Amino acid sequence: MAYEEGIVRIPKQFEYKPEIVSQDKVRAFKKIIVLGMGGSRLAADILNMLKPELDIHVHSDYDLPMLDVETLKDSLIIANSYSGNTAEVISGAKMAMGQGFNLVIIASAGELLAMASQNQIPHIALPQTDFPPRMMLGHDLLAMAGFIGFDSSELGVCQNIDASALKNTGAQIASRISSFIPLIYTSERLNGLGYIWKIILNETAKMPAFHNRFPEADHNEIAGFAKDWVGKFYGIFLRDESDSHTDERMDLTAELFKTHGITVEMIPLTGVSLAEKIISSIILAHWTALELATTNNIDPTAVKEIEDFKKQLH
């Protein structure tokens, strides 16, 4: 399927009704730990933005996080890998299973889904598609919400987003970014959204991109632009009207960047609810990255460097 079709169909993913296999085996929990890498960690990042009180611990590494045994025993450990074959997530899932922890699995296929079936581990089998994990956030969000008791109606409203209406804006942003390196900034609350933009630009447009958040960036990063490092940078500030504490910082930092020759673009979040704003912004990131890929004659779907690198690992 064409990448463009995948973008247009993102809102439709929020009609998904996940089925939890062996749900009766999910034990009560006090904390949530998500094992996930790359595009398969993004659902947890979004849920943390929507409900910070969930305090989801995202572990993007091998094995389990270095928490005390009691905390791990009291946690719901979600092994999340779209392919089901992510080595880091598999290592953590095996460790959790071996120690009898409260493990559940989300995957579309692969070793993780086989492990779940063979050992009666509670799991959700995601729909299989030809699209990369970064484009399948709707399915992943609803699956994760089903395990943790998150009200999925907050996500269901995202099916009403008009993805096609954002295409032209994405193309315009891409034309202004051109061959510059994007520096993406958000508020602390929306830090995960900046990271998602970075991932999409990295994997789809095959370009370097970096992100940080306010107010932290104003305490260190802005000092790095005092010299002639700035010729290839383009500032993208993702701005939400509810983040009033960062408004002045964003304005002042933008002015500072401009004095160093860095163009800054303020991109407002649009939508009624926070969930709509986040998903709409992610769709806009996809359109922007697709236009950059098309302009540079790059395959937006393939991630050859990542796949080749994985083959070299033992």
C-alpha atoms as a PDB file:
ATOM      1  CA  MET A   1       0.000   0.000   0.000  1.00  0.00           C
ATOM      2  CA  ALA A   2       1.153   3.539  -0.696  1.00  0.00           C
ATOM      3  CA  TYR A   3       2.407   5.541   2.258  1.00  0.00           C
ATOM      4  CA  GLU A   4      -0.118   8.249   1.419  1.00  0.00           C
ATOM      5  CA  GLU A   5      -2.974   5.794   1.768  1.00  0.00           C
ATOM      6  CA  GLY A   6      -1.608   4.791   5.159  1.00  0.00           C
ATOM      7  CA  ILE A   7      -1.699   8.410   6.362  1.00  0.00           C
ATOM      8  CA  VAL A   8      -5.274   8.920   5.177  1.00  0.00           C
ATOM      9  CA  ARG A   9      -6.351   5.751   6.979  1.00  0.00           C
ATOM     10  CA  ILE A  10      -4.807   6.643  10.372  1.00  0.00           C
ATOM     11  CA  PRO A  11      -8.100   8.006  11.810  1.00  0.00           C
ATOM     12  CA  LYS A  12      -9.915   4.814  10.788  1.00  0.00           C
ATOM     13  CA  GLN A  13      -7.625   2.844  13.091  1.00  0.00           C
ATOM     14  CA  PHE A  14      -9.503   4.345  16.028  1.00  0.00           C
ATOM     15  CA  GLU A  15     -12.537   2.210  15.148  1.00  0.00           C
ATOM     16  CA  TYR A  16     -10.528  -0.866  16.193  1.00  0.00           C
ATOM     17  CA  LYS A  17     -11.956  -3.116  18.923  1.00  0.00           C
ATOM     18  CA  PRO A  18      -9.068  -5.176  20.347  1.00  0.00           C
ATOM     19  CA  GLU A  19      -9.731  -8.672  21.677  1.00  0.00           C
ATOM     20  CA  ILE A  20      -7.799  -9.677  24.792  1.00  0.00           C
ATOM     21  CA  VAL A  21      -6.967 -13.382  24.832  1.00  0.00           C
ATOM     22  CA  SER A  22      -6.766 -14.942  28.347  1.00  0.00           C
ATOM     23  CA  GLN A  23      -7.901 -11.686  29.931  1.00  0.00           C
ATOM     24  CA  ASP A  24      -8.794 -13.517  33.144  1.00  0.00           C
ATOM     25  CA  LYS A  25      -5.080 -14.123  33.745  1.00  0.00           C
ATOM     26  CA  VAL A  26      -4.286 -10.383  34.000  1.00  0.00           C
ATOM     27  CA  ARG A  27      -3.660  -9.636  37.675  1.00  0.00           C
ATOM     28  CA  ALA A  28      -4.290  -6.385  39.534  1.00  0.00           C
ATOM     29  CA  PHE A  29      -1.386  -3.924  39.331  1.00  0.00           C
ATOM     30  CA  LYS A  30      -0.103  -0.700  40.868  1.00  0.00           C
ATOM     31  CA  LYS A  31       2.314   0.381  38.143  1.00  0.00           C
ATOM     32  CA  ILE A  32       2.578   0.038  34.357  1.00  0.00           C
ATOM     33  CA  ILE A  33       5.803  -0.852  32.550  1.00  0.00           C
ATOM     34  CA  VAL A  34       5.925  -0.909  28.747  1.00  0.00           C
ATOM     35  CA  LEU A  35       8.757  -2.692  26.961  1.00  0.00           C
ATOM     36  CA  GLY A  36       8.980  -1.083  23.527  1.00  0.00           C
ATOM     37  CA  MET A  37      11.442   0.185  20.940  1.00  0.00           C
ATOM     38  CA  GLY A  38      11.083   2.729  18.122  1.00  0.00           C
ATOM     39  CA  GLY A  39       7.540   2.995  16.799  1.00  0.00           C
ATOM     40  CA  SER A  40       6.346   0.394  19.299  1.00  0.00           C
ATOM     41  CA  ARG A  41       7.022   2.646  22.291  1.00  0.00           C
ATOM     42  CA  LEU A  42       5.045   5.600  20.959  1.00  0.00           C
ATOM     43  CA  ALA A  43       1.620   4.483  22.216  1.00  0.00           C
ATOM     44  CA  ALA A  44       2.952   4.547  25.785  1.00  0.00           C
ATOM     45  CA  ASP A  45       4.433   8.003  25.216  1.00  0.00           C
ATOM     46  CA  ILE A  46       1.047   9.264  23.996  1.00  0.00           C
ATOM     47  CA  LEU A  47      -0.827   7.751  26.948  1.00  0.00           C
ATOM     48  CA  ASN A  48       1.656   9.446  29.291  1.00  0.00           C
ATOM     49  CA  MET A  49       0.860  12.776  27.600  1.00  0.00           C
ATOM     50  CA  LEU A  50      -2.886  12.215  27.840  1.00  0.00           C
ATOM     51  CA  LYS A  51      -2.858  10.939  31.416  1.00  0.00           C
ATOM     52  CA  PRO A  52       0.393  11.829  33.221  1.00  0.00           C
ATOM     53  CA  GLU A  53      -1.004  10.307  36.409  1.00  0.00           C
ATOM     54  CA  LEU A  54      -0.662   6.865  34.788  1.00  0.00           C
ATOM     55  CA  ASP A  55       3.109   7.333  35.132  1.00  0.00           C
ATOM     56  CA  ILE A  56       3.858   4.631  32.570  1.00  0.00           C
ATOM     57  CA  HIS A  57       7.481   3.539  32.764  1.00  0.00           C
ATOM     58  CA  VAL A  58       8.719   3.086  29.177  1.00  0.00           C
ATOM     59  CA  HIS A  59      11.682   0.725  28.956  1.00  0.00           C
ATOM     60  CA  SER A  60      13.545   0.894  25.635  1.00  0.00           C
ATOM     61  CA  ASP A  61      16.375  -1.500  26.346  1.00  0.00           C
ATOM     62  CA  TYR A  62      17.127  -5.169  26.859  1.00  0.00           C
ATOM     63  CA  ASP A  63      15.748  -7.154  29.812  1.00  0.00           C
ATOM     64  CA  LEU A  64      13.625  -5.430  32.473  1.00  0.00           C
ATOM     65  CA  PRO A  65      14.123  -1.999  34.028  1.00  0.00           C
ATOM     66  CA  MET A  66      16.364  -1.886  37.080  1.00  0.00           C
ATOM     67  CA  LEU A  67      13.557  -1.567  39.607  1.00  0.00           C
ATOM     68  CA  ASP A  68      13.245  -3.449  42.866  1.00  0.00           C
ATOM     69  CA  VAL A  69      11.578  -6.847  42.766  1.00  0.00           C
ATOM     70  CA  GLU A  70       8.504  -5.700  44.698  1.00  0.00           C
ATOM     71  CA  THR A  71       7.831  -2.947  42.176  1.00  0.00           C
ATOM     72  CA  LEU A  72       8.178  -5.390  39.293  1.00  0.00           C
ATOM     73  CA  LYS A  73       5.827  -7.839  41.048  1.00  0.00           C
ATOM     74  CA  ASP A  74       3.221  -5.096  41.483  1.00  0.00           C
ATOM     75  CA  SER A  75       3.473  -3.944  37.853  1.00  0.00           C
ATOM     76  CA  LEU A  76       1.644  -4.783  34.668  1.00  0.00           C
ATOM     77  CA  ILE A  77       4.482  -5.461  32.215  1.00  0.00           C
ATOM     78  CA  ILE A  78       3.405  -4.894  28.610  1.00  0.00           C
ATOM     79  CA  ALA A  79       5.741  -6.363  25.997  1.00  0.00           C
ATOM     80  CA  ASN A  80       4.879  -4.305  22.925  1.00  0.00           C
ATOM     81  CA  SER A  81       6.352  -5.045  19.495  1.00  0.00           C
ATOM     82  CA  TYR A  82       4.394  -4.694  16.274  1.00  0.00           C
ATOM     83  CA  SER A  83       6.540  -7.262  14.474  1.00  0.00           C
ATOM     84  CA  GLY A  84       6.754  -9.487  17.532  1.00  0.00           C
ATOM     85  CA  ASN A  85      10.441 -10.028  16.829  1.00  0.00           C
ATOM     86  CA  THR A  86      12.118  -7.076  18.548  1.00  0.00           C
ATOM     87  CA  ALA A  87      15.116  -8.545  20.367  1.00  0.00           C
ATOM     88  CA  GLU A  88      15.124  -6.083  23.267  1.00  0.00           C
ATOM     89  CA  VAL A  89      11.425  -6.596  23.998  1.00  0.00           C
ATOM     90  CA  ILE A  90      11.674 -10.379  23.704  1.00  0.00           C
ATOM     91  CA  SER A  91      14.504 -10.440  26.255  1.00  0.00           C
ATOM     92  CA  GLY A  92      12.389  -8.501  28.763  1.00  0.00           C
ATOM     93  CA  ALA A  93       9.314 -10.626  28.118  1.00  0.00           C
ATOM     94  CA  LYS A  94      11.261 -13.849  28.687  1.00  0.00           C
ATOM     95  CA  MET A  95      12.680 -12.481  31.924  1.00  0.00           C
ATOM     96  CA  ALA A  96       9.211 -11.428  33.134  1.00  0.00           C
ATOM     97  CA  MET A  97       7.718 -14.798  32.207  1.00  0.00           C
ATOM     98  CA  GLY A  98      10.559 -16.661  33.899  1.00  0.00           C
ATOM     99  CA  GLN A  99       9.998 -14.791  37.160  1.00  0.00           C
ATOM    100  CA  GLY A 100       6.212 -15.112  37.074  1.00  0.00           C
ATOM    101  CA  PHE A 101       5.555 -11.390  36.746  1.00  0.00           C
ATOM    102  CA  ASN A 102       2.259  -9.937  35.500  1.00  0.00           C
ATOM    103  CA  LEU A 103       3.118 -10.039  31.780  1.00  0.00           C
ATOM    104  CA  VAL A 104       0.918  -9.256  28.790  1.00  0.00           C
ATOM    105  CA  ILE A 105       1.876  -9.086  25.122  1.00  0.00           C
ATOM    106  CA  ILE A 106       0.860  -6.872  22.196  1.00  0.00           C
ATOM    107  CA  ALA A 107       2.117  -7.928  18.751  1.00  0.00           C
ATOM    108  CA  SER A 108       0.891  -8.707  15.248  1.00  0.00           C
ATOM    109  CA  ALA A 109       2.981 -11.860  14.753  1.00  0.00           C
ATOM    110  CA  GLY A 110       6.458 -13.225  15.456  1.00  0.00           C
ATOM    111  CA  GLU A 111       8.143 -14.780  18.454  1.00  0.00           C
ATOM    112  CA  LEU A 112       6.225 -12.762  21.033  1.00  0.00           C
ATOM    113  CA  LEU A 113       2.827 -13.863  19.759  1.00  0.00           C
ATOM    114  CA  ALA A 114       4.036 -17.477  19.620  1.00  0.00           C
ATOM    115  CA  MET A 115       5.310 -17.160  23.197  1.00  0.00           C
ATOM    116  CA  ALA A 116       1.946 -15.793  24.310  1.00  0.00           C
ATOM    117  CA  SER A 117      -0.011 -18.622  22.673  1.00  0.00           C
ATOM    118  CA  GLN A 118       2.276 -21.392  23.902  1.00  0.00           C
ATOM    119  CA  ASN A 119       2.300 -20.162  27.506  1.00  0.00           C
ATOM    120  CA  GLN A 120      -1.273 -18.835  27.828  1.00  0.00           C
ATOM    121  CA  ILE A 121       0.017 -15.299  28.388  1.00  0.00           C
ATOM    122  CA  PRO A 122      -2.680 -12.618  28.046  1.00  0.00           C
ATOM    123  CA  HIS A 123      -2.237 -10.946  24.686  1.00  0.00           C
ATOM    124  CA  ILE A 124      -3.717  -8.926  21.853  1.00  0.00           C
ATOM    125  CA  ALA A 125      -2.943  -9.881  18.259  1.00  0.00           C
ATOM    126  CA  LEU A 126      -2.783  -6.624  16.317  1.00  0.00           C
ATOM    127  CA  PRO A 127      -4.077  -6.520  12.720  1.00  0.00           C
ATOM    128  CA  GLN A 128      -1.295  -7.278  10.258  1.00  0.00           C
ATOM    129  CA  THR A 129      -0.567  -4.664   7.576  1.00  0.00           C
ATOM    130  CA  ASP A 130       2.243  -3.668   5.255  1.00  0.00           C
ATOM    131  CA  PHE A 131       2.751  -0.372   7.076  1.00  0.00           C
ATOM    132  CA  PRO A 132       5.578   0.292   9.554  1.00  0.00           C
ATOM    133  CA  PRO A 133       4.841   0.493  13.312  1.00  0.00           C
ATOM    134  CA  ARG A 134       5.065   4.296  13.359  1.00  0.00           C
ATOM    135  CA  MET A 135       1.952   4.360  11.155  1.00  0.00           C
ATOM    136  CA  MET A 136      -0.069   1.915  13.271  1.00  0.00           C
ATOM    137  CA  LEU A 137      -0.432   3.986  16.421  1.00  0.00           C
ATOM    138  CA  GLY A 138      -4.233   3.855  16.512  1.00  0.00           C
ATOM    139  CA  HIS A 139      -4.367   0.082  16.805  1.00  0.00           C
ATOM    140  CA  ASP A 140      -1.519   0.057  19.323  1.00  0.00           C
ATOM    141  CA  LEU A 141      -3.066   2.803  21.469  1.00  0.00           C
ATOM    142  CA  LEU A 142      -6.414   1.040  21.694  1.00  0.00           C
ATOM    143  CA  ALA A 143      -4.750  -2.292  22.487  1.00  0.00           C
ATOM    144  CA  MET A 144      -2.705  -0.768  25.288  1.00  0.00           C
ATOM    145  CA  ALA A 145      -5.738   1.132  26.572  1.00  0.00           C
ATOM    146  CA  GLY A 146      -7.625  -2.161  26.778  1.00  0.00           C
ATOM    147  CA  PHE A 147      -5.030  -3.683  29.083  1.00  0.00           C
ATOM    148  CA  ILE A 148      -4.638  -0.719  31.442  1.00  0.00           C
ATOM    149  CA  GLY A 149      -8.293   0.293  31.747  1.00  0.00           C
ATOM    150  CA  PHE A 150      -7.910   3.601  29.905  1.00  0.00           C
ATOM    151  CA  ASP A 151     -11.230   4.980  28.624  1.00  0.00           C
ATOM    152  CA  SER A 152     -10.954   4.296  24.899  1.00  0.00           C
ATOM    153  CA  SER A 153     -13.720   6.810  24.117  1.00  0.00           C
ATOM    154  CA  GLU A 154     -11.077   9.522  24.622  1.00  0.00           C
ATOM    155  CA  LEU A 155      -9.231   7.999  21.686  1.00  0.00           C
ATOM    156  CA  GLY A 156     -12.267   7.080  19.601  1.00  0.00           C
ATOM    157  CA  VAL A 157     -12.947  10.727  18.758  1.00  0.00           C
ATOM    158  CA  CYS A 158      -9.750  10.687  16.670  1.00  0.00           C
ATOM    159  CA  GLN A 159     -11.583   8.729  13.968  1.00  0.00           C
ATOM    160  CA  ASN A 160     -13.255  12.024  13.013  1.00  0.00           C
ATOM    161  CA  ILE A 161      -9.968  13.730  12.065  1.00  0.00           C
ATOM    162  CA  ASP A 162      -9.776  14.676   8.372  1.00  0.00           C
ATOM    163  CA  ALA A 163      -6.264  13.468   7.562  1.00  0.00           C
ATOM    164  CA  SER A 164      -6.411  14.633   3.934  1.00  0.00           C
ATOM    165  CA  ALA A 165      -7.056  18.216   5.023  1.00  0.00           C
ATOM    166  CA  LEU A 166      -3.595  18.339   6.617  1.00  0.00           C
ATOM    167  CA  LYS A 167      -1.725  17.274   3.476  1.00  0.00           C
ATOM    168  CA  ASN A 168      -1.207  20.733   2.006  1.00  0.00           C
ATOM    169  CA  THR A 169       0.084  22.158   5.296  1.00  0.00           C
ATOM    170  CA  GLY A 170       2.568  19.293   5.551  1.00  0.00           C
ATOM    171  CA  ALA A 171       3.793  19.958   2.011  1.00  0.00           C
ATOM    172  CA  GLN A 172       4.285  23.658   2.813  1.00  0.00           C
ATOM    173  CA  ILE A 173       6.273  22.870   5.974  1.00  0.00           C
ATOM    174  CA  ALA A 174       8.406  20.402   4.014  1.00  0.00           C
ATOM    175  CA  SER A 175       9.182  23.011   1.340  1.00  0.00           C
ATOM    176  CA  ARG A 176      10.432  25.399   4.026  1.00  0.00           C
ATOM    177  CA  ILE A 177      12.496  22.750   5.820  1.00  0.00           C
ATOM    178  CA  SER A 178      14.082  21.783   2.492  1.00  0.00           C
ATOM    179  CA  SER A 179      17.606  20.498   3.221  1.00  0.00           C
ATOM    180  CA  PHE A 180      17.816  21.962   6.735  1.00  0.00           C
ATOM    181  CA  ILE A 181      18.047  19.796   9.878  1.00  0.00           C
ATOM    182  CA  PRO A 182      14.870  20.119  11.969  1.00  0.00           C
ATOM    183  CA  LEU A 183      15.183  21.056  15.639  1.00  0.00           C
ATOM    184  CA  ILE A 184      11.821  20.210  17.206  1.00  0.00           C
ATOM    185  CA  TYR A 185      10.695  21.802  20.465  1.00  0.00           C
ATOM    186  CA  THR A 186       7.621  21.317  22.643  1.00  0.00           C
ATOM    187  CA  SER A 187       6.518  21.982  26.188  1.00  0.00           C
ATOM    188  CA  GLU A 188       7.582  19.456  28.826  1.00  0.00           C
ATOM    189  CA  ARG A 189       4.035  18.084  28.788  1.00  0.00           C
ATOM    190  CA  LEU A 190       4.237  17.330  25.060  1.00  0.00           C
ATOM    191  CA  ASN A 191       7.830  16.103  25.025  1.00  0.00           C
ATOM    192  CA  GLY A 192       6.687  12.755  23.638  1.00  0.00           C
ATOM    193  CA  LEU A 193       5.121  14.475  20.632  1.00  0.00           C
ATOM    194  CA  GLY A 194       8.430  16.097  19.711  1.00  0.00           C
ATOM    195  CA  TYR A 195      10.049  12.669  19.883  1.00  0.00           C
ATOM    196  CA  ILE A 196       7.380  11.239  17.565  1.00  0.00           C
ATOM    197  CA  TRP A 197       8.011  14.008  14.998  1.00  0.00           C
ATOM    198  CA  LYS A 198      11.724  13.203  15.200  1.00  0.00           C
ATOM    199  CA  ILE A 199      11.127   9.473  14.605  1.00  0.00           C
ATOM    200  CA  ILE A 200       8.835  10.117  11.638  1.00  0.00           C
ATOM    201  CA  LEU A 201      11.312  12.514  10.003  1.00  0.00           C
ATOM    202  CA  ASN A 202      14.205  10.102  10.668  1.00  0.00           C
ATOM    203  CA  GLU A 203      12.502   6.984   9.324  1.00  0.00           C
ATOM    204  CA  THR A 204      10.280   8.399   6.583  1.00  0.00           C
ATOM    205  CA  ALA A 205      12.330  11.298   5.180  1.00  0.00           C
ATOM    206  CA  LYS A 206      15.662   9.600   6.047  1.00  0.00           C
ATOM    207  CA  MET A 207      17.022  12.828   7.519  1.00  0.00           C
ATOM    208  CA  PRO A 208      18.570  13.813  10.848  1.00  0.00           C
ATOM    209  CA  ALA A 209      16.185  15.526  13.257  1.00  0.00           C
ATOM    210  CA  PHE A 210      16.466  16.363  16.937  1.00  0.00           C
ATOM    211  CA  HIS A 211      14.073  17.350  19.687  1.00  0.00           C
ATOM    212  CA  ASN A 212      14.036  18.984  23.104  1.00  0.00           C
ATOM    213  CA  ARG A 213      11.474  20.636  25.352  1.00  0.00           C
ATOM    214  CA  PHE A 214      10.886  23.835  27.291  1.00  0.00           C
ATOM    215  CA  PRO A 215      11.787  25.018  29.856  1.00  0.00           C
ATOM    216  CA  GLU A 216      14.762  22.609  29.946  1.00  0.00           C
ATOM    217  CA  ALA A 217      16.196  23.753  26.592  1.00  0.00           C
ATOM    218  CA  ASP A 218      16.521  27.319  27.877  1.00  0.00           C
ATOM    219  CA  HIS A 219      18.759  26.130  30.710  1.00  0.00           C
ATOM    220  CA  ASN A 220      21.450  24.601  28.502  1.00  0.00           C
ATOM    221  CA  GLU A 221      20.792  24.047  24.810  1.00  0.00           C
ATOM    222  CA  ILE A 222      20.471  27.680  23.730  1.00  0.00           C
ATOM    223  CA  ALA A 223      24.094  28.266  24.779  1.00  0.00           C
ATOM    224  CA  GLY A 224      25.146  25.916  21.987  1.00  0.00           C
ATOM    225  CA  PHE A 225      24.075  28.349  19.283  1.00  0.00           C
ATOM    226  CA  ALA A 226      26.487  31.127  20.225  1.00  0.00           C
ATOM    227  CA  LYS A 227      28.995  30.147  17.542  1.00  0.00           C
ATOM    228  CA  ASP A 228      28.711  29.333  13.860  1.00  0.00           C
ATOM    229  CA  TRP A 229      27.050  25.936  14.266  1.00  0.00           C
ATOM    230  CA  VAL A 230      23.687  26.962  12.919  1.00  0.00           C
ATOM    231  CA  GLY A 231      23.807  27.095   9.124  1.00  0.00           C
ATOM    232  CA  LYS A 232      21.838  23.878   8.576  1.00  0.00           C
ATOM    233  CA  PHE A 233      19.174  24.051  11.290  1.00  0.00           C
ATOM    234  CA  TYR A 234      15.430  24.768  11.073  1.00  0.00           C
ATOM    235  CA  GLY A 235      13.380  25.303  14.229  1.00  0.00           C
ATOM    236  CA  ILE A 236       9.964  23.660  14.598  1.00  0.00           C
ATOM    237  CA  PHE A 237       8.064  24.727  17.708  1.00  0.00           C
ATOM    238  CA  LEU A 238       4.945  22.620  18.353  1.00  0.00           C
ATOM    239  CA  ARG A 239       2.693  24.939  20.294  1.00  0.00           C
ATOM    240  CA  ASP A 240      -0.483  24.291  22.260  1.00  0.00           C
ATOM    241  CA  GLU A 241      -2.582  27.154  23.618  1.00  0.00           C
ATOM    242  CA  SER A 242      -3.022  25.359  26.951  1.00  0.00           C
ATOM    243  CA  ASP A 243       0.731  25.480  27.656  1.00  0.00           C
ATOM    244  CA  SER A 244       0.648  29.087  28.850  1.00  0.00           C
ATOM    245  CA  HIS A 245       3.830  28.726  30.924  1.00  0.00           C
ATOM    246  CA  THR A 246       5.915  28.129  27.804  1.00  0.00           C
ATOM    247  CA  ASP A 247       4.421  30.805  25.539  1.00  0.00           C
ATOM    248  CA  GLU A 248       6.892  33.507  26.516  1.00  0.00           C
ATOM    249  CA  ARG A 249       9.819  31.068  26.444  1.00  0.00           C
ATOM    250  CA  MET A 250       8.928  29.917  22.934  1.00  0.00           C
ATOM    251  CA  ASP A 251       8.649  33.514  21.697  1.00  0.00           C
ATOM    252  CA  LEU A 252      11.925  34.601  23.272  1.00  0.00           C
ATOM    253  CA  THR A 253      13.793  31.486  22.148  1.00  0.00           C
ATOM    254  CA  ALA A 254      12.491  31.955  18.611  1.00  0.00           C
ATOM    255  CA  GLU A 255      13.822  35.512  18.602  1.00  0.00           C
ATOM    256  CA  LEU A 256      17.175  34.302  19.924  1.00  0.00           C
ATOM    257  CA  PHE A 257      17.377  31.636  17.216  1.00  0.00           C
ATOM    258  CA  LYS A 258      16.599  34.210  14.548  1.00  0.00           C
ATOM    259  CA  THR A 259      19.519  36.364  15.701  1.00  0.00           C
ATOM    260  CA  HIS A 260      21.731  33.331  14.998  1.00  0.00           C
ATOM    261  CA  GLY A 261      20.239  32.831  11.534  1.00  0.00           C
ATOM    262  CA  ILE A 262      17.904  29.950  12.411  1.00  0.00           C
ATOM    263  CA  THR A 263      14.427  30.136  10.910  1.00  0.00           C
ATOM    264  CA  VAL A 264      11.726  29.139  13.402  1.00  0.00           C
ATOM    265  CA  GLU A 265       8.253  27.941  12.489  1.00  0.00           C
ATOM    266  CA  MET A 266       5.487  27.913  15.106  1.00  0.00           C
ATOM    267  CA  ILE A 267       3.119  25.023  14.403  1.00  0.00           C
ATOM    268  CA  PRO A 268      -0.058  25.217  16.497  1.00  0.00           C
ATOM    269  CA  LEU A 269      -1.789  22.044  17.620  1.00  0.00           C
ATOM    270  CA  THR A 270      -5.353  21.841  16.282  1.00  0.00           C
ATOM    271  CA  GLY A 271      -8.343  19.970  17.653  1.00  0.00           C
ATOM    272  CA  VAL A 272     -10.841  20.025  20.488  1.00  0.00           C
ATOM    273  CA  SER A 273      -9.369  17.392  22.816  1.00  0.00           C
ATOM    274  CA  LEU A 274      -5.727  16.745  23.627  1.00  0.00           C
ATOM    275  CA  ALA A 275      -5.969  13.342  21.928  1.00  0.00           C
ATOM    276  CA  GLU A 276      -7.194  14.977  18.699  1.00  0.00           C
ATOM    277  CA  LYS A 277      -4.414  17.561  18.875  1.00  0.00           C
ATOM    278  CA  ILE A 278      -1.709  14.932  19.312  1.00  0.00           C
ATOM    279  CA  ILE A 279      -2.959  12.588  16.581  1.00  0.00           C
ATOM    280  CA  SER A 280      -3.564  15.491  14.159  1.00  0.00           C
ATOM    281  CA  SER A 281      -0.006  16.706  14.776  1.00  0.00           C
ATOM    282  CA  ILE A 282       1.344  13.195  14.140  1.00  0.00           C
ATOM    283  CA  ILE A 283      -0.583  13.030  10.869  1.00  0.00           C
ATOM    284  CA  LEU A 284       0.898  16.416   9.921  1.00  0.00           C
ATOM    285  CA  ALA A 285       4.378  15.058  10.689  1.00  0.00           C
ATOM    286  CA  HIS A 286       3.714  12.133   8.333  1.00  0.00           C
ATOM    287  CA  TRP A 287       2.617  14.451   5.513  1.00  0.00           C
ATOM    288  CA  THR A 288       5.678  16.638   6.061  1.00  0.00           C
ATOM    289  CA  ALA A 289       8.038  13.660   6.047  1.00  0.00           C
ATOM    290  CA  LEU A 290       6.360  12.102   2.993  1.00  0.00           C
ATOM    291  CA  GLU A 291       6.759  15.321   1.011  1.00  0.00           C
ATOM    292  CA  LEU A 292      10.435  15.528   1.985  1.00  0.00           C
ATOM    293  CA  ALA A 293      10.939  11.888   0.960  1.00  0.00           C
ATOM    294  CA  THR A 294       9.156  12.421  -2.353  1.00  0.00           C
ATOM    295  CA  THR A 295      11.137  15.568  -3.121  1.00  0.00           C
ATOM    296  CA  ASN A 296      14.389  13.712  -2.493  1.00  0.00           C
ATOM    297  CA  ASN A 297      13.309  10.555  -4.358  1.00  0.00           C
ATOM    298  CA  ILE A 298      13.442   8.439  -1.181  1.00  0.00           C
ATOM    299  CA  ASP A 299      11.332   5.386  -0.347  1.00  0.00           C
ATOM    300  CA  PRO A 300       9.308   6.562   2.694  1.00  0.00           C
ATOM    301  CA  THR A 301       8.577   3.060   3.981  1.00  0.00           C
ATOM    302  CA  ALA A 302      11.882   1.180   3.816  1.00  0.00           C
ATOM    303  CA  VAL A 303      14.388   1.550   6.653  1.00  0.00           C
ATOM    304  CA  LYS A 304      17.315  -0.299   5.094  1.00  0.00           C
ATOM    305  CA  GLU A 305      19.940   1.123   7.471  1.00  0.00           C
ATOM    306  CA  ILE A 306      18.011  -0.124  10.498  1.00  0.00           C
ATOM    307  CA  GLU A 307      17.360  -3.565   9.029  1.00  0.00           C
ATOM    308  CA  ASP A 308      20.995  -3.976   7.900  1.00  0.00           C
ATOM    309  CA  PHE A 309      22.214  -2.909  11.325  1.00  0.00           C
ATOM    310  CA  LYS A 310      19.967  -5.463  13.073  1.00  0.00           C
ATOM    311  CA  LYS A 311      21.410  -8.237  10.890  1.00  0.00           C
ATOM    312  CA  GLN A 312      24.893  -7.417  12.158  1.00  0.00           C
ATOM    313  CA  LEU A 313      23.879  -7.844  15.800  1.00  0.00           C
ATOM    314  CA  HIS A 314      24.461 -11.190  17.445  1.00  0.00           C
END
